[in-house]
Amino acid sequence: MTPETARATPYFTTPGVTIYCGDALKILPYLNPVDVVITDPVWPRTKNASMAGDLGPWELFTRAVKLITPKTKRLIVILGCDSDPRFLKTVPAELPYLVTCWLRRIPPVMKGNILFGAEVAYVFGQPFPWEHTKRILTTECFAVSRGRRDFGNDHPCPRNIAILDWLISKYTAEGQTVLDPFCGSGTTLEAALKAGRKAIGIDIVQHYCDIAAGRCRQPPPLFTEPHPPPLLHFPPHWLPPVVECYVKLRGRRRGINLT
């Protein structure tokens, strides 16, 4: 087996899902084009920046984007609301900016003196063809924290699957192939499989690939049942009073004046 073949040899396969264990920068050149790339890379300004290895978050993402661009028509990047958006300056003109989506967290959490109430998904690429009202590309979702993890998941940055369910339902089409070059514990892959998409994931840590594989080899009935709690569906103007009340009560417990 040549080194090139080894790099493109799947670590795990099941109908609809393929996982590669290794360096994404070495595996991406050997993959076929995909319809959509959805990824939650190592963020700048994060305590987990060491996950990017010697390159650091900025250089790792810059190199990955150069390899991703020729292989997809749409790129979705999830970052924190406190992440420097200049991190995305290397996304080329071939993937034009489309829209920004707010991924609201309920309840919000404190990060120092910042009330961290949302993450942000930046969508690049070609818009869907106009089909009257068949596909409305909404730009905001609300996801409730479950307060626990599934599948023995000890990944330091687990993603709420409700957010990926929403992104995939809005910005991909049934039957398309979704690639996550930094798939971690496999949330994107599981959400894609549930939604009737094909999924490809890459992660450099074998332990996380094993967790992702475990999620994707579960019996099909698990993928037909919603993950409780589901996304909240209510008028957005209901949210600020609820969050404000929660924040004030929590702030008082910590001795913080939020009035």
Protein backbone atom coordinates (compact mmCIF):
# COMPACT_ATOMS: atom_id res chain seq x y z
CA MET A 1 0.00 0.00 0.00
CA THR A 2 1.46 3.35 -1.04
CA PRO A 3 1.45 6.33 1.37
CA GLU A 4 -1.09 8.06 -0.89
CA THR A 5 -3.45 5.07 -0.75
CA ALA A 6 -3.04 4.80 3.02
CA ARG A 7 -4.05 8.42 3.47
CA ALA A 8 -7.27 7.83 1.56
CA THR A 9 -8.17 4.55 3.28
CA PRO A 10 -11.31 4.90 5.43
CA TYR A 11 -11.02 4.18 9.14
CA PHE A 12 -14.74 3.36 9.35
CA THR A 13 -17.51 2.91 6.81
CA THR A 14 -21.21 2.22 7.08
CA PRO A 15 -23.97 2.90 4.55
CA GLY A 16 -24.05 6.67 4.17
CA VAL A 17 -21.02 7.50 6.36
CA THR A 18 -17.25 7.34 5.86
CA ILE A 19 -14.71 8.37 8.51
CA TYR A 20 -10.99 8.93 7.94
CA CYS A 21 -8.56 9.01 10.86
CA GLY A 22 -5.60 11.22 10.17
CA ASP A 23 -4.40 14.70 9.27
CA ALA A 24 -7.10 16.46 7.22
CA LEU A 25 -4.43 18.36 5.27
CA LYS A 26 -3.03 15.04 4.03
CA ILE A 27 -6.38 13.33 3.39
CA LEU A 28 -8.37 16.12 1.69
CA PRO A 29 -6.36 16.08 -1.58
CA TYR A 30 -7.43 12.47 -2.21
CA LEU A 31 -11.17 12.91 -1.62
CA ASN A 32 -13.76 13.35 -4.37
CA PRO A 33 -15.78 16.60 -4.57
CA VAL A 34 -18.73 16.96 -2.18
CA ASP A 35 -21.85 19.12 -2.17
CA VAL A 36 -21.42 20.92 1.16
CA VAL A 37 -18.67 21.32 3.74
CA ILE A 38 -19.86 21.99 7.31
CA THR A 39 -17.18 22.33 9.95
CA ASP A 40 -16.50 23.62 13.43
CA PRO A 41 -12.72 24.20 13.27
CA VAL A 42 -10.46 24.99 16.19
CA TRP A 43 -11.47 28.54 17.06
CA PRO A 44 -9.06 31.43 17.46
CA ARG A 45 -8.94 32.78 21.04
CA THR A 46 -9.92 29.45 22.56
CA LYS A 47 -8.40 27.59 25.50
CA ASN A 48 -8.38 24.51 23.24
CA ALA A 49 -6.16 26.09 20.57
CA SER A 50 -3.60 23.32 21.12
CA MET A 51 -6.00 20.98 19.27
CA ALA A 52 -4.76 22.64 16.07
CA GLY A 53 -1.29 21.23 16.65
CA ASP A 54 1.89 23.06 15.75
CA LEU A 55 0.21 25.09 13.00
CA GLY A 56 -2.25 26.88 15.27
CA PRO A 57 -5.92 27.61 14.42
CA TRP A 58 -5.26 30.32 11.81
CA GLU A 59 -2.70 28.44 9.72
CA LEU A 60 -4.57 25.13 9.95
CA PHE A 61 -7.79 26.69 8.69
CA THR A 62 -5.99 28.66 5.95
CA ARG A 63 -4.38 25.52 4.54
CA ALA A 64 -7.59 23.50 4.84
CA VAL A 65 -9.66 26.09 2.97
CA LYS A 66 -7.27 25.96 0.02
CA LEU A 67 -7.86 22.22 -0.22
CA ILE A 68 -11.62 22.43 0.38
CA THR A 69 -12.49 25.16 -2.14
CA PRO A 70 -12.03 23.09 -5.34
CA LYS A 71 -14.14 20.29 -3.86
CA THR A 72 -17.40 21.99 -2.86
CA LYS A 73 -20.07 24.52 -3.84
CA ARG A 74 -20.94 25.56 -0.28
CA LEU A 75 -18.92 26.05 2.92
CA ILE A 76 -20.41 26.55 6.39
CA VAL A 77 -18.06 27.48 9.24
CA ILE A 78 -19.22 27.54 12.87
CA LEU A 79 -17.41 29.94 15.21
CA GLY A 80 -18.03 31.48 18.62
CA CYS A 81 -19.65 34.90 18.80
CA ASP A 82 -16.36 36.09 20.35
CA SER A 83 -14.22 34.58 17.57
CA ASP A 84 -12.40 37.06 15.33
CA PRO A 85 -14.27 37.02 11.97
CA ARG A 86 -11.02 37.91 10.20
CA PHE A 87 -10.26 34.24 10.74
CA LEU A 88 -12.35 33.72 7.59
CA LYS A 89 -10.45 36.13 5.36
CA THR A 90 -8.79 33.26 3.51
CA VAL A 91 -12.11 31.95 2.14
CA PRO A 92 -11.63 32.68 -1.58
CA ALA A 93 -13.92 34.57 -3.96
CA GLU A 94 -14.89 31.28 -5.59
CA LEU A 95 -17.06 30.76 -2.50
CA PRO A 96 -18.89 34.08 -2.18
CA TYR A 97 -20.38 35.10 1.16
CA LEU A 98 -24.03 34.10 1.39
CA VAL A 99 -25.40 34.70 4.89
CA THR A 100 -24.66 34.67 8.63
CA CYS A 101 -26.74 32.48 10.96
CA TRP A 102 -27.13 33.00 14.70
CA LEU A 103 -27.19 29.77 16.69
CA ARG A 104 -28.75 30.78 20.01
CA ARG A 105 -27.83 28.93 23.21
CA ILE A 106 -30.45 28.42 25.90
CA PRO A 107 -29.44 29.06 28.61
CA PRO A 108 -26.51 31.37 27.84
CA VAL A 109 -23.25 30.92 29.73
CA MET A 110 -20.76 33.34 31.23
CA LYS A 111 -17.26 33.55 29.74
CA GLY A 112 -15.48 35.96 32.02
CA ASN A 113 -17.65 39.07 31.88
CA ILE A 114 -19.16 38.14 28.49
CA LEU A 115 -22.61 36.61 28.38
CA PHE A 116 -22.05 33.98 25.69
CA GLY A 117 -25.51 33.54 24.20
CA ALA A 118 -24.86 32.30 20.66
CA GLU A 119 -22.50 30.81 18.17
CA VAL A 120 -22.32 31.95 14.56
CA ALA A 121 -22.44 30.00 11.31
CA TYR A 122 -20.96 31.76 8.28
CA VAL A 123 -22.32 30.40 5.00
CA PHE A 124 -20.34 30.76 1.77
CA GLY A 125 -21.10 29.54 -1.74
CA GLN A 126 -23.86 29.53 -4.29
CA PRO A 127 -27.44 30.12 -3.11
CA PHE A 128 -30.16 27.58 -3.76
CA PRO A 129 -32.15 28.16 -6.97
CA TRP A 130 -35.28 30.21 -6.31
CA GLU A 131 -38.21 27.87 -5.78
CA HIS A 132 -40.86 30.32 -4.57
CA THR A 133 -41.43 29.39 -0.89
CA LYS A 134 -40.25 25.79 -1.02
CA ARG A 135 -36.93 26.64 0.65
CA ILE A 136 -36.80 29.59 3.03
CA LEU A 137 -33.24 30.09 4.25
CA THR A 138 -33.84 31.29 7.80
CA THR A 139 -30.86 32.68 9.68
CA GLU A 140 -31.57 32.02 13.35
CA CYS A 141 -32.21 28.96 15.51
CA PHE A 142 -32.65 28.33 19.22
CA ALA A 143 -31.20 25.21 20.83
CA VAL A 144 -31.67 24.16 24.45
CA SER A 145 -28.73 22.64 26.30
CA ARG A 146 -29.49 19.13 27.47
CA GLY A 147 -27.04 19.44 30.35
CA ARG A 148 -25.46 16.09 29.59
CA ARG A 149 -23.49 14.23 26.91
CA ASP A 150 -24.33 11.09 24.99
CA PHE A 151 -22.24 8.11 23.90
CA GLY A 152 -19.59 8.60 26.61
CA ASN A 153 -18.48 11.68 24.69
CA ASP A 154 -15.43 13.26 26.34
CA HIS A 155 -14.56 15.58 23.45
CA PRO A 156 -13.65 19.02 24.88
CA CYS A 157 -15.87 20.87 22.42
CA PRO A 158 -19.03 18.81 21.82
CA ARG A 159 -21.63 20.32 19.51
CA ASN A 160 -25.36 20.40 20.25
CA ILE A 161 -26.85 18.14 17.58
CA ALA A 162 -30.00 20.29 17.36
CA ILE A 163 -27.87 23.02 15.76
CA LEU A 164 -26.49 20.65 13.12
CA ASP A 165 -29.97 19.24 12.50
CA TRP A 166 -31.13 22.78 11.73
CA LEU A 167 -28.15 23.75 9.54
CA ILE A 168 -28.36 20.57 7.49
CA SER A 169 -32.13 20.87 7.00
CA LYS A 170 -31.80 24.48 5.79
CA TYR A 171 -28.55 24.56 3.83
CA THR A 172 -28.28 21.09 2.29
CA ALA A 173 -30.62 18.98 0.18
CA GLU A 174 -31.64 15.36 0.59
CA GLY A 175 -29.18 12.97 -1.03
CA GLN A 176 -26.29 15.44 -0.96
CA THR A 177 -22.88 14.61 0.52
CA VAL A 178 -21.69 16.59 3.56
CA LEU A 179 -18.01 16.73 4.52
CA ASP A 180 -16.67 17.74 7.94
CA PRO A 181 -12.85 17.87 7.78
CA PHE A 182 -12.62 18.40 11.57
CA CYS A 183 -15.46 16.13 12.63
CA GLY A 184 -14.44 15.54 16.25
CA SER A 185 -16.93 13.21 17.92
CA GLY A 186 -19.16 13.05 14.83
CA THR A 187 -22.12 15.36 15.51
CA THR A 188 -22.21 16.59 11.91
CA LEU A 189 -22.05 13.03 10.62
CA GLU A 190 -24.91 11.83 12.81
CA ALA A 191 -27.10 14.80 11.89
CA ALA A 192 -26.42 14.26 8.18
CA LEU A 193 -27.27 10.57 8.43
CA LYS A 194 -30.53 11.33 10.22
CA ALA A 195 -31.51 13.80 7.50
CA GLY A 196 -30.91 11.43 4.59
CA ARG A 197 -27.58 12.89 3.51
CA LYS A 198 -24.29 11.11 2.96
CA ALA A 199 -21.48 12.13 5.29
CA ILE A 200 -17.69 12.11 5.28
CA GLY A 201 -15.68 12.98 8.38
CA ILE A 202 -11.99 13.42 9.16
CA ASP A 203 -10.34 13.68 12.55
CA ILE A 204 -6.75 13.24 13.61
CA VAL A 205 -7.54 11.68 17.01
CA GLN A 206 -8.41 7.99 16.86
CA HIS A 207 -10.40 8.10 20.10
CA TYR A 208 -12.77 10.72 18.68
CA CYS A 209 -13.09 8.76 15.43
CA ASP A 210 -14.17 5.77 17.55
CA ILE A 211 -16.86 7.89 19.26
CA ALA A 212 -18.07 9.18 15.88
CA ALA A 213 -18.18 5.65 14.50
CA GLY A 214 -20.19 4.50 17.49
CA ARG A 215 -22.76 7.22 16.90
CA CYS A 216 -23.07 6.34 13.22
CA ARG A 217 -23.38 2.59 13.67
CA GLN A 218 -26.37 2.82 16.01
CA PRO A 219 -29.55 1.06 14.78
CA PRO A 220 -31.69 3.13 12.37
CA PRO A 221 -34.62 3.71 14.82
CA LEU A 222 -32.42 6.10 16.79
CA PHE A 223 -32.22 8.35 13.77
CA THR A 224 -35.99 8.57 13.35
CA GLU A 225 -36.58 9.87 16.86
CA PRO A 226 -35.87 13.51 17.72
CA HIS A 227 -33.09 14.27 20.17
CA PRO A 228 -34.80 15.82 23.19
CA PRO A 229 -35.14 18.63 23.71
CA PRO A 230 -35.87 19.81 20.14
CA LEU A 231 -35.31 23.28 18.81
CA LEU A 232 -37.69 25.77 20.31
CA HIS A 233 -40.29 27.09 17.90
CA PHE A 234 -41.78 30.34 19.12
CA PRO A 235 -41.80 33.98 18.03
CA PRO A 236 -38.29 35.41 18.48
CA HIS A 237 -39.61 38.41 20.43
CA TRP A 238 -40.51 36.05 23.27
CA LEU A 239 -36.87 35.20 23.92
CA PRO A 240 -35.28 38.46 25.22
CA PRO A 241 -37.54 38.83 28.31
CA VAL A 242 -36.95 35.19 29.26
CA VAL A 243 -33.18 35.44 28.83
CA GLU A 244 -33.04 38.81 30.63
CA CYS A 245 -34.87 37.35 33.63
CA TYR A 246 -32.58 34.32 33.70
CA VAL A 247 -29.42 36.41 33.44
CA LYS A 248 -30.47 38.80 36.21
CA LEU A 249 -31.30 35.96 38.57
CA ARG A 250 -28.03 34.19 37.83
CA GLY A 251 -26.10 37.42 38.14
CA ARG A 252 -27.54 38.13 41.57
CA ARG A 253 -26.47 34.69 42.76
CA ARG A 254 -22.92 35.57 41.68
CA GLY A 255 -23.05 39.08 43.09
CA ILE A 256 -22.96 40.66 39.61
CA ASN A 257 -25.00 43.77 38.89
CA LEU A 258 -26.61 43.28 35.46
CA THR A 259 -29.25 46.02 35.67
